[in-house]
Protein backbone atom coordinates (compact mmCIF):
# COMPACT_ATOMS: atom_id res chain seq x y z
CA MET A 1 -49.83 11.38 -56.37
CA THR A 2 -52.12 8.29 -56.08
CA SER A 3 -52.39 6.02 -52.86
CA SER A 4 -50.92 3.38 -54.99
CA THR A 5 -47.92 5.35 -55.81
CA ARG A 6 -47.44 6.24 -52.05
CA SER A 7 -47.63 2.67 -51.07
CA ALA A 8 -45.15 1.61 -53.81
CA ARG A 9 -42.67 4.08 -52.86
CA ALA A 10 -43.11 2.88 -49.06
CA VAL A 11 -41.88 -0.60 -50.07
CA LEU A 12 -39.48 0.50 -52.63
CA GLY A 13 -37.79 2.79 -49.89
CA ALA A 14 -37.98 -0.17 -47.35
CA ALA A 15 -36.16 -2.28 -49.80
CA PHE A 16 -33.44 0.35 -50.20
CA ASP A 17 -33.00 0.60 -46.59
CA ALA A 18 -32.69 -3.23 -46.08
CA ALA A 19 -29.92 -3.20 -48.74
CA VAL A 20 -28.05 -0.42 -46.96
CA ARG A 21 -28.39 -2.15 -43.44
CA ALA A 22 -27.25 -5.39 -44.91
CA ALA A 23 -24.07 -3.74 -45.95
CA ASP A 24 -23.40 -1.75 -42.78
CA PRO A 25 -19.77 -2.32 -41.77
CA ALA A 26 -20.68 -3.01 -37.94
CA ARG A 27 -22.74 -6.01 -39.23
CA VAL A 28 -20.47 -7.33 -42.21
CA LEU A 29 -17.21 -6.93 -40.19
CA VAL A 30 -18.30 -8.91 -37.18
CA ASP A 31 -16.74 -12.07 -38.11
CA ALA A 32 -13.97 -10.68 -40.44
CA TRP A 33 -11.36 -9.35 -37.84
CA PRO A 34 -7.83 -10.94 -38.01
CA ASP A 35 -6.59 -12.30 -34.67
CA PRO A 36 -4.96 -9.76 -32.59
CA PRO A 37 -1.06 -9.29 -33.37
CA ARG A 38 1.95 -9.42 -30.74
CA GLY A 39 2.11 -5.70 -31.54
CA GLN A 40 -0.26 -2.81 -32.17
CA VAL A 41 -3.09 -2.62 -34.59
CA LEU A 42 -2.64 0.34 -37.04
CA VAL A 43 -5.95 1.13 -38.88
CA LEU A 44 -5.45 2.89 -42.07
CA GLY A 45 -8.78 3.41 -44.03
CA MET A 46 -10.30 5.30 -46.91
CA GLY A 47 -13.68 5.55 -48.33
CA LYS A 48 -17.30 6.56 -47.83
CA ALA A 49 -17.71 3.75 -45.00
CA ALA A 50 -14.48 4.62 -43.37
CA VAL A 51 -15.76 6.38 -40.26
CA LYS A 52 -18.11 3.28 -39.62
CA MET A 53 -15.58 0.87 -40.39
CA ALA A 54 -12.94 2.50 -38.22
CA ALA A 55 -15.29 2.64 -35.29
CA ALA A 56 -16.20 -0.97 -35.58
CA ALA A 57 -12.27 -1.78 -35.73
CA GLU A 58 -11.68 0.31 -32.65
CA ALA A 59 -14.50 -1.23 -30.63
CA HIS A 60 -13.48 -4.82 -31.51
CA TYR A 61 -9.73 -4.52 -30.79
CA ARG A 62 -10.21 -2.36 -27.71
CA ALA A 63 -12.65 -4.95 -26.21
CA VAL A 64 -9.88 -7.62 -26.40
CA GLY A 65 -7.35 -5.20 -24.82
CA VAL A 66 -5.33 -4.51 -27.91
CA ARG A 67 -3.91 -0.94 -28.47
CA VAL A 68 -5.51 0.74 -31.72
CA ARG A 69 -4.30 3.89 -33.48
CA GLY A 70 -4.27 4.96 -36.97
CA ALA A 71 -6.29 7.26 -39.57
CA VAL A 72 -8.86 7.03 -42.03
CA SER A 73 -9.91 9.51 -44.93
CA ALA A 74 -13.78 10.19 -45.38
CA PRO A 75 -15.71 12.71 -47.25
CA HIS A 76 -16.19 16.08 -45.89
CA GLY A 77 -18.82 16.14 -43.25
CA SER A 78 -18.55 12.41 -42.41
CA VAL A 79 -17.45 13.10 -38.78
CA GLU A 80 -20.28 15.69 -38.13
CA ARG A 81 -22.90 13.32 -39.58
CA SER A 82 -21.73 10.31 -37.82
CA ASP A 83 -22.81 9.35 -34.22
CA THR A 84 -20.05 6.40 -34.09
CA ALA A 85 -16.82 8.27 -34.93
CA PRO A 86 -13.77 6.53 -33.46
CA THR A 87 -11.81 8.16 -30.59
CA THR A 88 -8.33 6.78 -31.15
CA ILE A 89 -8.18 6.85 -35.01
CA GLU A 90 -8.00 10.08 -36.82
CA VAL A 91 -10.53 10.87 -39.21
CA LEU A 92 -9.31 13.06 -42.08
CA ALA A 93 -11.82 15.05 -44.17
CA ALA A 94 -11.14 14.91 -47.93
CA GLY A 95 -12.89 15.67 -51.51
CA HIS A 96 -14.99 13.22 -53.43
CA PRO A 97 -15.48 12.70 -56.34
CA VAL A 98 -12.45 14.84 -57.28
CA PRO A 99 -9.40 14.88 -54.90
CA ASP A 100 -8.86 18.09 -52.99
CA ALA A 101 -5.99 19.44 -50.79
CA GLY A 102 -7.55 17.24 -47.84
CA SER A 103 -7.13 14.16 -49.96
CA GLU A 104 -3.48 14.76 -50.31
CA VAL A 105 -3.13 15.49 -46.62
CA ALA A 106 -5.01 12.21 -45.86
CA GLY A 107 -2.90 10.11 -48.42
CA ARG A 108 0.34 11.45 -47.13
CA ARG A 109 -0.75 10.80 -43.53
CA LEU A 110 -1.57 7.20 -44.36
CA LEU A 111 1.62 6.48 -46.04
CA GLN A 112 3.58 8.17 -43.05
CA LEU A 113 1.81 5.78 -40.65
CA ALA A 114 2.35 2.64 -42.67
CA ALA A 115 6.13 3.32 -43.05
CA HIS A 116 6.42 3.26 -39.07
CA ALA A 117 4.76 -0.22 -38.77
CA VAL A 118 6.95 -3.09 -37.66
CA ALA A 119 6.60 -6.81 -38.24
CA ASP A 120 4.84 -7.70 -35.01
CA ASP A 121 2.05 -5.02 -35.98
CA LEU A 122 -1.11 -5.64 -37.81
CA VAL A 123 -1.91 -3.14 -40.39
CA LEU A 124 -5.66 -3.12 -40.78
CA VAL A 125 -6.54 -1.33 -44.21
CA LEU A 126 -10.36 -0.61 -44.16
CA VAL A 127 -11.39 -0.07 -47.77
CA SER A 128 -14.74 1.17 -49.39
CA GLY A 129 -15.85 2.99 -52.46
CA GLY A 130 -14.67 6.54 -53.14
CA GLY A 131 -11.30 5.80 -51.51
CA SER A 132 -9.64 6.66 -54.84
CA ALA A 133 -10.43 10.41 -54.40
CA LEU A 134 -10.26 10.48 -50.64
CA ALA A 135 -6.68 9.54 -50.23
CA THR A 136 -4.17 10.60 -52.86
CA VAL A 137 -0.47 11.28 -53.19
CA PRO A 138 0.15 12.48 -56.61
CA ASP A 139 3.12 10.99 -58.36
CA GLY A 140 4.53 12.48 -61.40
CA VAL A 141 1.69 15.13 -61.41
CA THR A 142 0.72 17.85 -59.18
CA ARG A 143 -2.46 17.49 -57.14
CA GLU A 144 -4.17 20.15 -59.26
CA GLN A 145 -3.39 18.24 -62.30
CA LEU A 146 -4.61 15.04 -60.92
CA ALA A 147 -7.81 16.75 -59.80
CA GLY A 148 -8.14 18.04 -63.47
CA LEU A 149 -7.59 14.55 -64.77
CA SER A 150 -10.28 13.12 -62.44
CA ARG A 151 -12.59 15.72 -63.72
CA GLU A 152 -12.15 14.90 -67.45
CA LEU A 153 -12.32 11.23 -66.84
CA LEU A 154 -15.44 11.57 -64.94
CA ALA A 155 -17.08 13.50 -67.71
CA SER A 156 -15.95 11.26 -70.43
CA GLY A 157 -17.88 8.41 -69.78
CA ALA A 158 -14.88 6.16 -68.69
CA ASP A 159 -15.86 3.38 -66.35
CA ILE A 160 -14.44 2.80 -62.87
CA ARG A 161 -11.82 0.23 -64.17
CA GLU A 162 -10.57 2.61 -66.96
CA MET A 163 -10.36 5.31 -64.48
CA ASN A 164 -8.35 3.34 -62.02
CA VAL A 165 -6.03 1.92 -64.74
CA VAL A 166 -4.88 5.46 -64.95
CA ARG A 167 -5.07 6.55 -61.28
CA ARG A 168 -3.00 3.69 -60.06
CA ARG A 169 -0.06 4.83 -62.19
CA LEU A 170 -0.05 8.40 -60.82
CA ASP A 171 -0.65 8.00 -57.23
CA ALA A 172 1.86 6.65 -54.54
CA ILE A 173 -0.82 5.19 -52.28
CA LYS A 174 -2.60 2.95 -55.01
CA GLY A 175 -1.81 -0.36 -56.90
CA GLY A 176 -0.29 -1.96 -53.73
CA ARG A 177 1.92 0.94 -52.59
CA LEU A 178 0.15 1.58 -49.29
CA ALA A 179 0.77 -2.20 -48.40
CA ALA A 180 4.29 -1.98 -49.65
CA ALA A 181 5.01 0.83 -47.47
CA ALA A 182 3.79 -1.00 -44.36
CA HIS A 183 6.36 -3.85 -45.16
CA PRO A 184 7.18 -6.07 -43.09
CA ALA A 185 4.17 -5.74 -40.86
CA GLN A 186 1.25 -8.19 -41.48
CA VAL A 187 -1.30 -6.29 -43.60
CA ALA A 188 -5.09 -7.37 -43.87
CA ALA A 189 -7.32 -5.33 -46.09
CA LEU A 190 -11.15 -5.59 -45.40
CA ILE A 191 -13.15 -4.18 -48.34
CA VAL A 192 -16.61 -3.05 -48.87
CA SER A 193 -17.05 -3.28 -52.63
CA ASP A 194 -18.72 -0.70 -54.69
CA VAL A 195 -17.09 -2.16 -57.94
CA VAL A 196 -18.79 -4.52 -60.54
CA GLY A 197 -16.92 -7.94 -60.32
CA ASP A 198 -15.46 -7.05 -56.96
CA ASP A 199 -12.05 -6.86 -58.08
CA PRO A 200 -9.86 -5.58 -55.06
CA LEU A 201 -7.47 -3.72 -57.66
CA ASP A 202 -10.34 -1.58 -58.67
CA ILE A 203 -11.82 -0.64 -55.21
CA ALA A 204 -10.19 2.43 -54.11
CA SER A 205 -7.51 1.79 -56.75
CA GLY A 206 -6.27 -1.30 -54.90
CA PRO A 207 -3.94 0.33 -52.18
CA THR A 208 -3.12 -3.39 -51.00
CA VAL A 209 -3.07 -5.05 -54.51
CA GLY A 210 -0.17 -5.12 -56.88
CA ASP A 211 -0.88 -3.90 -60.43
CA PRO A 212 -0.13 -6.58 -63.16
CA GLY A 213 -0.75 -3.75 -65.79
CA GLU A 214 1.43 -1.42 -67.73
CA ALA A 215 1.63 2.38 -68.35
CA ARG A 216 0.72 1.84 -72.00
CA ALA A 217 -2.89 0.57 -70.90
CA ALA A 218 -3.21 4.04 -69.10
CA LEU A 219 -2.25 5.98 -72.16
CA ASP A 220 -4.74 3.91 -74.08
CA VAL A 221 -7.55 4.95 -71.79
CA LEU A 222 -6.69 8.61 -72.25
CA ASP A 223 -6.47 8.28 -76.05
CA ARG A 224 -9.84 6.32 -76.09
CA TYR A 225 -11.71 9.36 -74.29
CA GLY A 226 -9.93 12.01 -75.85
CA VAL A 227 -8.48 13.31 -72.48
CA ALA A 228 -5.47 15.59 -73.22
CA ALA A 229 -3.77 15.56 -69.60
CA PRO A 230 -0.34 16.57 -71.03
CA ALA A 231 1.54 16.20 -67.33
CA ALA A 232 -0.23 12.72 -66.95
CA ARG A 233 0.88 11.63 -70.34
CA ASP A 234 4.33 12.84 -69.77
CA ALA A 235 4.51 10.83 -66.43
CA LEU A 236 3.08 7.50 -68.22
CA ARG A 237 5.41 7.76 -70.95
CA ALA A 238 8.24 8.01 -68.61
CA GLU A 239 7.12 4.83 -66.93
CA ALA A 240 6.54 2.98 -70.21
CA GLU A 241 10.31 3.95 -71.08
CA GLY A 242 11.74 2.85 -67.84
CA ARG A 243 12.41 6.42 -66.62
CA ARG A 244 9.97 6.23 -63.75
CA ASP A 245 8.71 3.58 -61.50
CA GLY A 246 5.29 2.32 -61.49
CA PRO A 247 3.33 0.46 -58.73
CA PRO A 248 4.46 -3.01 -57.42
CA ARG A 249 3.66 -6.05 -59.24
CA PRO A 250 1.47 -8.72 -57.69
CA ASP A 251 4.59 -10.84 -56.75
CA ASP A 252 6.42 -8.10 -55.13
CA PRO A 253 8.04 -9.49 -51.91
CA ARG A 254 6.58 -6.52 -49.98
CA LEU A 255 3.35 -7.83 -50.54
CA ALA A 256 3.76 -11.33 -49.30
CA ARG A 257 2.32 -10.71 -45.97
CA CYS A 258 -0.82 -8.96 -47.19
CA ARG A 259 -4.31 -10.43 -47.45
CA THR A 260 -7.33 -8.92 -49.00
CA THR A 261 -10.93 -9.95 -48.28
CA ILE A 262 -14.35 -8.70 -49.57
CA VAL A 263 -16.68 -8.33 -46.69
CA ALA A 264 -19.60 -6.91 -48.54
CA SER A 265 -20.66 -6.12 -52.18
CA GLY A 266 -23.64 -5.20 -54.29
CA SER A 267 -25.10 -8.79 -54.12
CA THR A 268 -25.19 -8.36 -50.40
CA GLY A 269 -27.68 -5.53 -50.83
CA LEU A 270 -29.57 -6.85 -53.60
CA ALA A 271 -30.33 -10.02 -51.42
CA ALA A 272 -31.61 -8.00 -48.53
CA ALA A 273 -33.83 -6.00 -50.83
CA ARG A 274 -35.22 -9.18 -52.40
CA GLU A 275 -36.48 -10.15 -48.86
CA VAL A 276 -38.43 -7.19 -48.49
CA PHE A 277 -40.30 -7.50 -51.75
CA GLU A 278 -40.95 -11.25 -51.10
CA ALA A 279 -42.12 -10.58 -47.68
CA ALA A 280 -44.72 -8.05 -49.24
CA GLY A 281 -45.71 -10.92 -51.42
CA VAL A 282 -44.14 -9.85 -54.75
CA PRO A 283 -42.03 -12.00 -56.59
CA THR A 284 -38.91 -10.78 -57.92
CA ARG A 285 -36.31 -11.47 -60.57
CA LEU A 286 -32.70 -10.64 -60.72
CA LEU A 287 -31.75 -9.14 -64.11
CA SER A 288 -28.09 -8.72 -63.17
CA ALA A 289 -25.80 -7.53 -60.46
CA GLU A 290 -23.18 -6.28 -62.87
CA VAL A 291 -24.98 -3.59 -65.11
CA VAL A 292 -22.44 -1.27 -66.53
CA GLY A 293 -22.13 1.10 -69.49
CA ASP A 294 -24.21 3.96 -70.32
CA ALA A 295 -26.85 5.02 -67.70
CA ARG A 296 -29.39 6.11 -70.46
CA GLU A 297 -29.17 2.88 -72.40
CA ALA A 298 -29.25 0.77 -69.25
CA GLY A 299 -32.54 2.60 -68.33
CA ARG A 300 -33.90 2.01 -71.84
CA ARG A 301 -33.06 -1.66 -71.60
CA HIS A 302 -34.78 -2.09 -68.27
CA ALA A 303 -37.80 -0.38 -69.90
CA ARG A 304 -37.77 -2.98 -72.54
CA GLU A 305 -37.62 -5.91 -70.06
CA ALA A 306 -40.61 -4.30 -68.39
CA ALA A 307 -42.73 -3.78 -71.63
CA SER A 308 -41.88 -7.43 -72.56
CA VAL A 309 -43.13 -8.51 -69.17
CA LEU A 310 -46.34 -6.65 -69.50
CA GLU A 311 -46.96 -7.30 -73.25
CA HIS A 312 -45.57 -10.96 -73.47
CA GLY A 313 -45.38 -12.22 -69.99
CA ARG A 314 -41.56 -12.94 -70.57
CA LEU A 315 -38.28 -11.47 -70.20
CA LEU A 316 -36.32 -10.47 -73.29
CA ASP A 317 -34.18 -13.85 -72.83
CA GLY A 318 -37.63 -15.60 -73.41
CA SER A 319 -37.95 -16.81 -69.82
CA SER A 320 -41.36 -16.74 -68.36
CA CYS A 321 -42.13 -13.56 -66.10
CA ARG A 322 -45.53 -12.28 -65.51
CA PRO A 323 -46.61 -9.29 -63.28
CA PRO A 324 -46.67 -8.45 -60.58
CA VAL A 325 -42.86 -8.85 -60.47
CA VAL A 326 -40.00 -6.79 -59.33
CA LEU A 327 -36.85 -6.80 -61.67
CA LEU A 328 -33.76 -6.24 -59.49
CA SER A 329 -30.30 -4.97 -60.78
CA GLY A 330 -27.41 -3.69 -59.41
CA GLY A 331 -23.58 -2.34 -60.75
CA GLU A 332 -22.51 0.84 -61.91
CA THR A 333 -23.24 2.85 -64.95
CA THR A 334 -21.70 5.85 -66.39
CA VAL A 335 -22.94 9.21 -67.87
CA HIS A 336 -21.18 10.93 -70.72
CA VAL A 337 -22.06 14.43 -69.50
CA ARG A 338 -23.42 16.59 -72.24
CA GLY A 339 -24.93 19.67 -70.35
CA GLU A 340 -24.43 21.64 -67.26
CA GLY A 341 -27.33 20.45 -65.20
CA ARG A 342 -27.56 18.42 -61.96
CA GLY A 343 -28.01 14.81 -62.28
CA GLY A 344 -26.30 11.69 -61.44
CA ARG A 345 -26.15 8.08 -63.20
CA ASN A 346 -29.28 6.74 -61.07
CA SER A 347 -31.47 9.71 -61.82
CA THR A 348 -30.29 9.70 -65.36
CA PHE A 349 -31.01 6.02 -65.56
CA ALA A 350 -34.61 6.54 -63.98
CA LEU A 351 -35.59 9.30 -66.37
CA ALA A 352 -34.35 7.32 -69.43
CA LEU A 353 -36.58 4.38 -68.01
CA ALA A 354 -39.53 6.42 -67.80
CA LEU A 355 -39.34 8.14 -71.15
CA ALA A 356 -38.77 4.63 -72.82
CA LEU A 357 -41.71 3.02 -71.07
CA PRO A 358 -45.17 2.68 -72.85
CA SER A 359 -47.35 5.67 -72.01
CA GLY A 360 -49.03 5.02 -68.81
CA ALA A 361 -47.21 1.79 -67.92
CA PRO A 362 -48.02 0.29 -64.59
CA VAL A 363 -44.59 0.34 -63.49
CA HIS A 364 -43.12 1.85 -60.25
CA ALA A 365 -39.44 1.99 -59.83
CA LEU A 366 -36.39 3.34 -57.74
CA ALA A 367 -32.89 3.67 -58.79
CA ALA A 368 -30.53 4.95 -56.19
CA ASP A 369 -26.87 4.88 -54.94
CA SER A 370 -26.35 2.82 -51.89
CA ASP A 371 -24.15 5.63 -50.58
CA GLY A 372 -26.87 8.02 -50.52
CA ILE A 373 -25.35 10.46 -53.09
CA ASP A 374 -26.14 10.37 -56.69
CA GLY A 375 -23.97 12.94 -58.74
CA VAL A 376 -24.15 16.61 -57.61
CA GLY A 377 -27.65 17.24 -56.61
CA GLY A 378 -27.63 15.96 -52.98
CA HIS A 379 -30.22 13.22 -53.75
CA ALA A 380 -29.60 9.30 -53.56
CA GLY A 381 -31.70 8.70 -56.73
CA ALA A 382 -35.15 8.92 -57.99
CA PHE A 383 -38.65 7.28 -58.29
CA VAL A 384 -40.58 6.43 -61.52
CA ASP A 385 -44.39 5.77 -61.42
CA PRO A 386 -47.33 5.68 -63.97
CA GLY A 387 -48.30 9.32 -63.31
CA LEU A 388 -44.81 10.91 -63.61
CA PHE A 389 -45.71 12.58 -66.94
CA GLU A 390 -48.86 14.22 -65.58
CA ARG A 391 -46.54 16.16 -63.31
CA ILE A 392 -44.01 17.13 -65.69
CA PRO A 393 -44.65 17.25 -69.59
CA ARG A 394 -42.88 14.45 -71.33
CA GLU A 395 -41.12 17.15 -73.70
CA GLU A 396 -39.96 19.04 -70.87
CA ALA A 397 -38.39 15.84 -69.15
CA ARG A 398 -36.79 15.12 -72.55
CA ALA A 399 -35.31 18.64 -72.68
CA LEU A 400 -33.92 18.34 -69.09
CA ASP A 401 -32.54 14.97 -70.10
CA ALA A 402 -30.65 16.35 -73.07
CA SER A 403 -29.22 18.96 -70.60
CA ASP A 404 -27.98 16.30 -68.06
CA ASP A 405 -30.71 17.76 -65.57
CA SER A 406 -32.37 14.92 -64.47
CA TYR A 407 -32.48 16.28 -60.94
CA ALA A 408 -34.50 19.19 -62.04
CA ALA A 409 -37.11 16.54 -63.88
CA PHE A 410 -37.57 14.78 -60.83
CA GLU A 411 -37.71 17.72 -58.46
CA ARG A 412 -40.45 19.17 -60.56
CA ALA A 413 -42.28 15.80 -60.73
CA GLY A 414 -41.80 15.06 -56.96
CA GLY A 415 -39.81 12.03 -57.64
CA LEU A 416 -36.40 12.80 -56.03
CA PHE A 417 -35.17 10.14 -53.53
CA THR A 418 -33.09 11.70 -50.67
CA THR A 419 -31.41 9.87 -47.85
CA GLY A 420 -28.05 11.61 -47.20
CA PRO A 421 -24.87 9.71 -46.80
CA THR A 422 -25.57 6.20 -45.80
CA GLY A 423 -22.04 5.29 -44.35
CA THR A 424 -21.71 2.36 -46.75
CA ASN A 425 -21.27 1.89 -50.55
CA VAL A 426 -22.09 -1.26 -52.30
CA ASN A 427 -23.00 0.41 -55.62
CA ASP A 428 -26.21 1.21 -57.31
CA LEU A 429 -29.52 -0.44 -56.35
CA ARG A 430 -32.40 -0.66 -59.14
CA PHE A 431 -36.01 -1.88 -58.33
CA VAL A 432 -38.45 -2.00 -61.43
CA TRP A 433 -41.87 -3.09 -59.86
CA VAL A 434 -44.03 -4.15 -62.99
CA HIS A 435 -47.68 -4.38 -62.02
CA ALA A 436 -50.68 -5.75 -64.22
CA TRP A 437 -52.36 -3.12 -66.20
CA ASN A 438 -55.33 -2.67 -63.90
CA GLU A 439 -53.29 -2.50 -60.64
CA THR A 440 -52.02 0.89 -60.28
CA ARG A 441 -54.94 3.13 -60.68
């Protein structure tokens, strides 16, 4: 590895760290807390940032003399890895990205606590990415059937909105049902968004947000991606035919005392990353904070942008953009799984980017999930650099990509980026640093 690559990786990693710090719950929640109620504060939470969010809530309200209790659901191992776990709020361990038995235990506990809230209480719902899997109360299907449905949807290439259209109608905690269970208490939802567009209905499947949709839309998603799921289809047809209740509508009176606020999102992290690059003297351009769709195609599109900057001094939209420059993007792509390898949408993006760049292009890049976990390999994402295919033959990398094993490709090339869980989740972070041709050797 060259000294220029080591230096570039240090700056790319520092930008990632800054983005994660900017979205740290302890920081973004400081000015977001609702006023103390006449009764108690009941904290209910779910997501990859749940432990940090709960600890911050406990510290804030205890400091002003208010009793706090409740429960949050977080990924297995979150408590053991955290040095800031709350003491009066239960932390329940659950599965992600596929719900497990712990997910159902957690979901039922949250509903149970919500049902005991009274009008003078404040029910503080702390939501972050991953909450859909981490707290679930199957409705119309069994947990095993819901888990199987989740696996199929994850492998199908369906995006998060489409997945949640289905999940909200098959889960008694989603689509506003948690907030409805807490009626008549005041409900305040504070959300760290990991969803493009920051629609609260799609973050953890909207436990405090009424669902304006219909069961037919969920059936359409299953049809679009060829997902059989007979039990889910039966439940959805029963709702469509009026034989089964769905989630509350947005105008449901049980949601009248509920307020939902986004406290951090992908743009929060990208703004902090930009400051790191510009402090290092490197200009930046934001391509988009809302990149969605196939991870490989997104990687190729970013490669075309980088090539256009190198060859023509402009982006694909025709705007002037000359190296050196860092092209920033956020959002959440999808991977239509074709093989049995270990990967993730960010390492898949990174490998597609590398394969599509001109040979030896002076480009360093990092694509990583802000939660620190990309797919099933235990990595956060991957680095790309001009010497990548000197460490792994290009054809070998292509074969690994074809079997969805981007993890193995970057492991062999020394390009994996590993952080461990970060305690927050504001979606994917991508930094494509385009140098002049003579800068990287």
